[in-house]
Amino acid sequence: MRLSPDIIKRIDALAEHTGRSRGLYIRLALSAFLPQLEEDHWNQKTARYEREGFDRDFEQLTTHLMDEPEPSP
């Protein structure tokens, strides 16, 4: 994994100050933030599915209406 020098510096300072490893803090950060990333992903996927379904239904409806002959006066 590649991290910016600033992030590495901050993690290393924390690790040195607490006597723990850089890896521990990276694992903790990922464990803490991963549920939020997963939720965001599933919410985006659900929204896209709903939008595509609406677009498909709208297209079917409008295509059907355009195919019907206009009523005579």
C-alpha atoms as a PDB file:
ATOM      1  CA  MET A   1       0.000   0.000   0.000  1.00  0.00           C
ATOM      2  CA  ARG A   2       1.293   3.447  -0.837  1.00  0.00           C
ATOM      3  CA  LEU A   3       0.687   6.316   1.532  1.00  0.00           C
ATOM      4  CA  SER A   4       1.686   9.931   1.271  1.00  0.00           C
ATOM      5  CA  PRO A   5       4.803  10.926   3.182  1.00  0.00           C
ATOM      6  CA  ASP A   6       2.672  13.143   5.431  1.00  0.00           C
ATOM      7  CA  ILE A   7       0.417  10.250   6.447  1.00  0.00           C
ATOM      8  CA  ILE A   8       3.401   7.980   7.095  1.00  0.00           C
ATOM      9  CA  LYS A   9       5.018  10.693   9.195  1.00  0.00           C
ATOM     10  CA  ARG A  10       1.862  11.109  11.274  1.00  0.00           C
ATOM     11  CA  ILE A  11       1.386   7.363  11.772  1.00  0.00           C
ATOM     12  CA  ASP A  12       5.045   6.911  12.650  1.00  0.00           C
ATOM     13  CA  ALA A  13       4.885   9.740  15.202  1.00  0.00           C
ATOM     14  CA  LEU A  14       1.819   8.142  16.791  1.00  0.00           C
ATOM     15  CA  ALA A  15       3.465   4.715  16.795  1.00  0.00           C
ATOM     16  CA  GLU A  16       6.645   6.074  18.357  1.00  0.00           C
ATOM     17  CA  HIS A  17       4.728   8.039  20.974  1.00  0.00           C
ATOM     18  CA  THR A  18       2.637   5.016  22.002  1.00  0.00           C
ATOM     19  CA  GLY A  19       5.165   2.240  21.490  1.00  0.00           C
ATOM     20  CA  ARG A  20       2.914   0.484  19.001  1.00  0.00           C
ATOM     21  CA  SER A  21       3.505  -0.404  15.356  1.00  0.00           C
ATOM     22  CA  ARG A  22       2.610   1.494  12.210  1.00  0.00           C
ATOM     23  CA  GLY A  23       0.767  -1.630  11.023  1.00  0.00           C
ATOM     24  CA  LEU A  24      -1.441  -1.666  14.106  1.00  0.00           C
ATOM     25  CA  TYR A  25      -2.643   1.865  13.445  1.00  0.00           C
ATOM     26  CA  ILE A  26      -3.235   1.170   9.767  1.00  0.00           C
ATOM     27  CA  ARG A  27      -5.280  -1.939  10.654  1.00  0.00           C
ATOM     28  CA  LEU A  28      -7.260   0.014  13.261  1.00  0.00           C
ATOM     29  CA  ALA A  29      -7.964   2.832  10.806  1.00  0.00           C
ATOM     30  CA  LEU A  30      -9.116   0.424   8.102  1.00  0.00           C
ATOM     31  CA  SER A  31     -11.268  -1.549  10.524  1.00  0.00           C
ATOM     32  CA  ALA A  32     -12.882   1.636  11.804  1.00  0.00           C
ATOM     33  CA  PHE A  33     -13.547   3.167   8.386  1.00  0.00           C
ATOM     34  CA  LEU A  34     -14.341   0.086   6.289  1.00  0.00           C
ATOM     35  CA  PRO A  35     -17.996  -0.183   7.429  1.00  0.00           C
ATOM     36  CA  GLN A  36     -18.603   3.389   6.249  1.00  0.00           C
ATOM     37  CA  LEU A  37     -16.975   2.690   2.878  1.00  0.00           C
ATOM     38  CA  GLU A  38     -19.077  -0.454   2.467  1.00  0.00           C
ATOM     39  CA  GLU A  39     -22.279   1.373   3.355  1.00  0.00           C
ATOM     40  CA  ASP A  40     -21.479   4.170   0.905  1.00  0.00           C
ATOM     41  CA  HIS A  41     -20.797   1.623  -1.831  1.00  0.00           C
ATOM     42  CA  TRP A  42     -24.064  -0.271  -1.288  1.00  0.00           C
ATOM     43  CA  ASN A  43     -26.061   2.960  -1.087  1.00  0.00           C
ATOM     44  CA  GLN A  44     -24.572   4.119  -4.399  1.00  0.00           C
ATOM     45  CA  LYS A  45     -25.238   0.728  -5.999  1.00  0.00           C
ATOM     46  CA  THR A  46     -28.854   0.751  -4.775  1.00  0.00           C
ATOM     47  CA  ALA A  47     -29.419   4.298  -6.032  1.00  0.00           C
ATOM     48  CA  ARG A  48     -27.968   3.404  -9.442  1.00  0.00           C
ATOM     49  CA  TYR A  49     -30.173   0.277  -9.657  1.00  0.00           C
ATOM     50  CA  GLU A  50     -33.290   2.307  -8.815  1.00  0.00           C
ATOM     51  CA  ARG A  51     -32.371   5.061 -11.294  1.00  0.00           C
ATOM     52  CA  GLU A  52     -31.737   2.538 -14.083  1.00  0.00           C
ATOM     53  CA  GLY A  53     -35.056   0.822 -13.325  1.00  0.00           C
ATOM     54  CA  PHE A  54     -36.902   4.136 -13.469  1.00  0.00           C
ATOM     55  CA  ASP A  55     -35.185   5.057 -16.746  1.00  0.00           C
ATOM     56  CA  ARG A  56     -36.049   1.643 -18.249  1.00  0.00           C
ATOM     57  CA  ASP A  57     -39.704   1.888 -17.165  1.00  0.00           C
ATOM     58  CA  PHE A  58     -39.980   5.465 -18.446  1.00  0.00           C
ATOM     59  CA  GLU A  59     -38.509   4.480 -21.804  1.00  0.00           C
ATOM     60  CA  GLN A  60     -40.921   1.557 -22.154  1.00  0.00           C
ATOM     61  CA  LEU A  61     -43.890   3.759 -21.285  1.00  0.00           C
ATOM     62  CA  THR A  62     -42.978   6.593 -23.623  1.00  0.00           C
ATOM     63  CA  THR A  63     -42.108   4.205 -26.464  1.00  0.00           C
ATOM     64  CA  HIS A  64     -45.500   2.549 -26.073  1.00  0.00           C
ATOM     65  CA  LEU A  65     -47.278   5.924 -26.102  1.00  0.00           C
ATOM     66  CA  MET A  66     -45.406   7.056 -29.217  1.00  0.00           C
ATOM     67  CA  ASP A  67     -46.382   3.846 -31.036  1.00  0.00           C
ATOM     68  CA  GLU A  68     -50.115   4.339 -30.444  1.00  0.00           C
ATOM     69  CA  PRO A  69     -52.013   6.047 -33.266  1.00  0.00           C
ATOM     70  CA  GLU A  70     -53.410   9.473 -32.485  1.00  0.00           C
ATOM     71  CA  PRO A  71     -57.166   9.529 -31.966  1.00  0.00           C
ATOM     72  CA  SER A  72     -59.148  10.950 -34.836  1.00  0.00           C
ATOM     73  CA  PRO A  73     -61.137  14.130 -34.182  1.00  0.00           C
END
